[in-house]
Each structure stands twice: as structure tokens, then as C-alpha cells.
Amino acid sequence: MSEQFEHQTSLPEAVPDHTPDPDAIPTEVWECESTDCKGWMRKNYSLETTPGCPLCDSPMKSGTRMIPQLKKVLRRRGINFARKIRH
């Protein structure tokens, strides 16, 4: 039975893709000070001047991250243009 398992090939380990996002811009964020926590949030979405971490309640420090810029999506209201053609 051990011969059967010797011939199996192992799968390559997953390597995270660290290529920079072309839409990423430097953005001010709050980062958790705890070494065990990875919590962070955008500063412009924080309602407090010095927030606590929402995951572990530790204090947060100011920082900068390269993250994609949020884009406003415009939606048309009213007529559904795909159904405008009558059959």
C-alpha cells in the first residue's frame, strides 16, 4: 500500500499574489496596535477622532495603506433601456 502513495505528486503551495493594484492610492487609515490583530479601517469612515479596534477593542494608531480608490457608481433610474425595444 505504501508504494501506491509514493507515486503521487504533491500540489504546489499557494503563493499569495503581491502584484500592486494599478488603481491603488495611498489612503489614510487607522491600524490596530495589537500584534495579534489585523484590524484596520479608512480614516474617512471613522466617526471618532481616536477609535478603538472593532475586532479586539485595542487602541488604534494612524497609518497609510495602498488600497483601491472607491468609485461612485451611477445608476440610471426609470426606464429600463434594455426593454425599450418592442417585439
N, C-alpha and C. Protein backbone atom coordinates (compact mmCIF):
# COMPACT_ATOMS: atom_id res chain seq x y z
N MET A 1 0.82 -1.20 0.00
CA MET A 1 0.00 0.00 0.00
C MET A 1 0.86 1.26 0.00
N SER A 2 2.02 1.24 0.61
CA SER A 2 2.85 2.44 0.66
C SER A 2 3.39 2.80 -0.73
N GLU A 3 3.55 1.80 -1.61
CA GLU A 3 4.02 2.08 -2.97
C GLU A 3 3.01 2.94 -3.73
N GLN A 4 1.76 2.75 -3.42
CA GLN A 4 0.70 3.50 -4.09
C GLN A 4 0.82 5.01 -3.78
N PHE A 5 1.19 5.37 -2.56
CA PHE A 5 1.27 6.77 -2.17
C PHE A 5 2.59 7.41 -2.58
N GLU A 6 3.63 6.64 -2.84
CA GLU A 6 4.92 7.19 -3.22
C GLU A 6 4.88 7.84 -4.60
N HIS A 7 4.02 7.38 -5.48
CA HIS A 7 3.98 7.87 -6.84
C HIS A 7 3.07 9.08 -7.02
N GLN A 8 2.38 9.49 -5.98
CA GLN A 8 1.50 10.65 -6.09
C GLN A 8 2.34 11.93 -6.08
N THR A 9 1.98 12.87 -6.92
CA THR A 9 2.70 14.14 -6.92
C THR A 9 2.04 15.08 -5.92
N SER A 10 2.85 15.90 -5.30
CA SER A 10 2.30 16.86 -4.34
C SER A 10 1.92 18.14 -5.07
N LEU A 11 0.92 18.80 -4.58
CA LEU A 11 0.45 20.04 -5.18
C LEU A 11 1.35 21.18 -4.72
N PRO A 12 1.62 22.15 -5.58
CA PRO A 12 2.43 23.29 -5.15
C PRO A 12 1.67 24.12 -4.13
N GLU A 13 2.43 24.72 -3.21
CA GLU A 13 1.80 25.56 -2.18
C GLU A 13 1.30 26.85 -2.82
N ALA A 14 0.20 27.33 -2.31
CA ALA A 14 -0.38 28.57 -2.83
C ALA A 14 0.49 29.74 -2.39
N VAL A 15 0.89 30.55 -3.35
CA VAL A 15 1.70 31.73 -3.07
C VAL A 15 0.82 32.95 -3.29
N PRO A 16 0.71 33.82 -2.27
CA PRO A 16 -0.14 34.99 -2.45
C PRO A 16 0.43 35.91 -3.53
N ASP A 17 -0.47 36.50 -4.29
CA ASP A 17 -0.09 37.41 -5.37
C ASP A 17 0.15 38.79 -4.77
N HIS A 18 1.38 39.28 -4.84
CA HIS A 18 1.72 40.58 -4.27
C HIS A 18 1.97 41.63 -5.34
N THR A 19 1.33 41.48 -6.49
CA THR A 19 1.48 42.49 -7.52
C THR A 19 0.66 43.72 -7.12
N PRO A 20 1.23 44.91 -7.29
CA PRO A 20 0.49 46.11 -6.87
C PRO A 20 -0.72 46.35 -7.75
N ASP A 21 -1.79 46.81 -7.13
CA ASP A 21 -3.02 47.12 -7.84
C ASP A 21 -2.84 48.46 -8.56
N PRO A 22 -3.10 48.53 -9.86
CA PRO A 22 -2.90 49.80 -10.58
C PRO A 22 -3.84 50.91 -10.12
N ASP A 23 -4.97 50.56 -9.50
CA ASP A 23 -5.92 51.57 -9.01
C ASP A 23 -5.64 51.98 -7.57
N ALA A 24 -4.61 51.42 -6.94
CA ALA A 24 -4.33 51.70 -5.53
C ALA A 24 -3.71 53.08 -5.37
N ILE A 25 -4.17 53.77 -4.33
CA ILE A 25 -3.64 55.08 -3.99
C ILE A 25 -3.33 55.09 -2.50
N PRO A 26 -2.39 55.92 -2.03
CA PRO A 26 -2.14 55.99 -0.59
C PRO A 26 -3.37 56.55 0.13
N THR A 27 -3.84 55.83 1.13
CA THR A 27 -5.06 56.20 1.85
C THR A 27 -4.77 56.20 3.34
N GLU A 28 -5.22 57.24 4.04
CA GLU A 28 -5.04 57.31 5.48
C GLU A 28 -5.99 56.33 6.17
N VAL A 29 -5.45 55.54 7.10
CA VAL A 29 -6.23 54.52 7.80
C VAL A 29 -5.91 54.53 9.28
N TRP A 30 -6.76 53.89 10.05
CA TRP A 30 -6.49 53.56 11.45
C TRP A 30 -6.10 52.10 11.48
N GLU A 31 -4.97 51.76 12.14
CA GLU A 31 -4.49 50.38 12.24
C GLU A 31 -4.45 49.97 13.71
N CYS A 32 -4.85 48.74 13.99
CA CYS A 32 -4.84 48.23 15.35
C CYS A 32 -3.41 48.12 15.86
N GLU A 33 -3.18 48.53 17.11
CA GLU A 33 -1.84 48.47 17.70
C GLU A 33 -1.48 47.08 18.20
N SER A 34 -2.45 46.20 18.37
CA SER A 34 -2.19 44.85 18.85
C SER A 34 -1.45 44.05 17.79
N THR A 35 -0.43 43.30 18.21
CA THR A 35 0.34 42.50 17.25
C THR A 35 -0.44 41.27 16.79
N ASP A 36 -1.43 40.84 17.57
CA ASP A 36 -2.22 39.66 17.23
C ASP A 36 -3.41 39.98 16.32
N CYS A 37 -3.75 41.24 16.17
CA CYS A 37 -4.94 41.64 15.42
C CYS A 37 -4.52 42.31 14.10
N LYS A 38 -5.30 42.07 13.05
CA LYS A 38 -5.03 42.68 11.75
C LYS A 38 -6.09 43.72 11.38
N GLY A 39 -6.80 44.24 12.37
CA GLY A 39 -7.88 45.18 12.11
C GLY A 39 -7.39 46.53 11.63
N TRP A 40 -8.14 47.11 10.69
CA TRP A 40 -7.87 48.46 10.20
C TRP A 40 -9.14 49.02 9.58
N MET A 41 -9.20 50.34 9.43
CA MET A 41 -10.34 50.99 8.78
C MET A 41 -9.88 52.30 8.15
N ARG A 42 -10.60 52.74 7.12
CA ARG A 42 -10.30 54.02 6.49
C ARG A 42 -10.62 55.15 7.47
N LYS A 43 -9.77 56.17 7.49
CA LYS A 43 -9.99 57.29 8.40
C LYS A 43 -11.26 58.06 8.06
N ASN A 44 -11.57 58.20 6.77
CA ASN A 44 -12.75 58.99 6.41
C ASN A 44 -14.06 58.27 6.73
N TYR A 45 -14.02 57.01 7.14
CA TYR A 45 -15.23 56.30 7.57
C TYR A 45 -15.34 56.17 9.08
N SER A 46 -14.39 56.74 9.80
CA SER A 46 -14.40 56.68 11.25
C SER A 46 -15.18 57.86 11.81
N LEU A 47 -16.04 57.61 12.78
CA LEU A 47 -16.82 58.68 13.39
C LEU A 47 -16.13 59.27 14.61
N GLU A 48 -15.11 58.60 15.14
CA GLU A 48 -14.40 59.06 16.33
C GLU A 48 -13.04 59.62 15.94
N THR A 49 -12.49 60.50 16.80
CA THR A 49 -11.17 61.06 16.50
C THR A 49 -10.06 60.05 16.75
N THR A 50 -10.19 59.20 17.76
CA THR A 50 -9.25 58.10 18.01
C THR A 50 -10.07 56.86 18.33
N PRO A 51 -10.44 56.08 17.32
CA PRO A 51 -11.31 54.93 17.55
C PRO A 51 -10.58 53.75 18.19
N GLY A 52 -11.36 52.85 18.76
CA GLY A 52 -10.85 51.59 19.24
C GLY A 52 -11.07 50.53 18.17
N CYS A 53 -10.28 49.49 18.20
CA CYS A 53 -10.40 48.44 17.19
C CYS A 53 -11.75 47.74 17.32
N PRO A 54 -12.51 47.62 16.23
CA PRO A 54 -13.81 46.96 16.31
C PRO A 54 -13.69 45.46 16.50
N LEU A 55 -12.50 44.88 16.28
CA LEU A 55 -12.33 43.44 16.43
C LEU A 55 -11.87 43.05 17.83
N CYS A 56 -10.91 43.82 18.41
CA CYS A 56 -10.35 43.40 19.70
C CYS A 56 -10.39 44.49 20.77
N ASP A 57 -10.94 45.66 20.47
CA ASP A 57 -11.07 46.80 21.40
C ASP A 57 -9.73 47.39 21.85
N SER A 58 -8.64 47.12 21.12
CA SER A 58 -7.35 47.74 21.42
C SER A 58 -7.32 49.14 20.82
N PRO A 59 -6.42 50.01 21.30
CA PRO A 59 -6.31 51.33 20.68
C PRO A 59 -5.78 51.21 19.25
N MET A 60 -6.08 52.22 18.44
CA MET A 60 -5.63 52.21 17.05
C MET A 60 -4.69 53.38 16.81
N LYS A 61 -3.76 53.21 15.86
CA LYS A 61 -2.81 54.26 15.51
C LYS A 61 -3.03 54.66 14.05
N SER A 62 -2.57 55.84 13.72
CA SER A 62 -2.70 56.36 12.37
C SER A 62 -1.69 55.69 11.46
N GLY A 63 -2.08 55.46 10.21
CA GLY A 63 -1.19 54.84 9.24
C GLY A 63 -1.65 55.12 7.83
N THR A 64 -0.92 54.57 6.86
CA THR A 64 -1.24 54.73 5.45
C THR A 64 -1.16 53.38 4.76
N ARG A 65 -2.10 53.09 3.89
CA ARG A 65 -2.11 51.85 3.10
C ARG A 65 -2.38 52.17 1.64
N MET A 66 -1.85 51.31 0.78
CA MET A 66 -2.12 51.43 -0.65
C MET A 66 -3.34 50.56 -0.95
N ILE A 67 -4.50 51.20 -1.12
CA ILE A 67 -5.73 50.47 -1.38
C ILE A 67 -6.47 51.13 -2.55
N PRO A 68 -7.32 50.38 -3.24
CA PRO A 68 -8.04 50.95 -4.39
C PRO A 68 -8.94 52.11 -3.98
N GLN A 69 -9.01 53.10 -4.85
CA GLN A 69 -9.88 54.25 -4.62
C GLN A 69 -11.32 53.81 -4.81
N LEU A 70 -12.19 54.25 -3.93
CA LEU A 70 -13.61 53.94 -4.05
C LEU A 70 -14.20 54.78 -5.17
N LYS A 71 -14.99 54.15 -6.02
CA LYS A 71 -15.59 54.83 -7.15
C LYS A 71 -17.10 54.87 -6.97
N LYS A 72 -17.67 56.01 -7.29
CA LYS A 72 -19.12 56.15 -7.19
C LYS A 72 -19.76 55.54 -8.42
N VAL A 73 -20.72 54.67 -8.21
CA VAL A 73 -21.42 54.02 -9.32
C VAL A 73 -22.72 54.77 -9.57
N LEU A 74 -22.87 55.24 -10.80
CA LEU A 74 -24.10 55.93 -11.17
C LEU A 74 -25.07 54.93 -11.79
N ARG A 75 -26.28 54.93 -11.31
CA ARG A 75 -27.30 54.03 -11.85
C ARG A 75 -28.40 54.85 -12.49
N ARG A 76 -28.88 54.36 -13.60
CA ARG A 76 -30.00 55.03 -14.26
C ARG A 76 -31.29 54.62 -13.59
N ARG A 77 -32.15 55.58 -13.42
CA ARG A 77 -33.44 55.29 -12.81
C ARG A 77 -34.53 55.48 -13.85
N GLY A 78 -35.59 54.78 -13.68
CA GLY A 78 -36.72 54.96 -14.59
C GLY A 78 -36.78 53.87 -15.62
N ILE A 79 -36.71 54.24 -16.88
CA ILE A 79 -36.90 53.31 -17.98
C ILE A 79 -35.75 52.32 -18.04
N ASN A 80 -36.09 51.07 -18.22
CA ASN A 80 -35.08 50.04 -18.43
C ASN A 80 -34.76 50.04 -19.92
N PHE A 81 -33.60 50.56 -20.28
CA PHE A 81 -33.26 50.74 -21.69
C PHE A 81 -33.11 49.42 -22.44
N ALA A 82 -32.85 48.33 -21.75
CA ALA A 82 -32.73 47.03 -22.42
C ALA A 82 -34.09 46.55 -22.90
N ARG A 83 -35.17 46.98 -22.27
CA ARG A 83 -36.52 46.53 -22.64
C ARG A 83 -37.25 47.56 -23.47
N LYS A 84 -36.57 48.57 -23.93
CA LYS A 84 -37.24 49.65 -24.68
C LYS A 84 -37.75 49.18 -26.03
N ILE A 85 -37.06 48.22 -26.64
CA ILE A 85 -37.45 47.72 -27.96
C ILE A 85 -38.68 46.83 -27.81
N ARG A 86 -39.72 47.11 -28.61
CA ARG A 86 -40.94 46.29 -28.55
C ARG A 86 -40.89 45.23 -29.64
N HIS A 87 -41.40 44.08 -29.33
CA HIS A 87 -41.41 42.95 -30.28
C HIS A 87 -42.69 42.90 -31.05
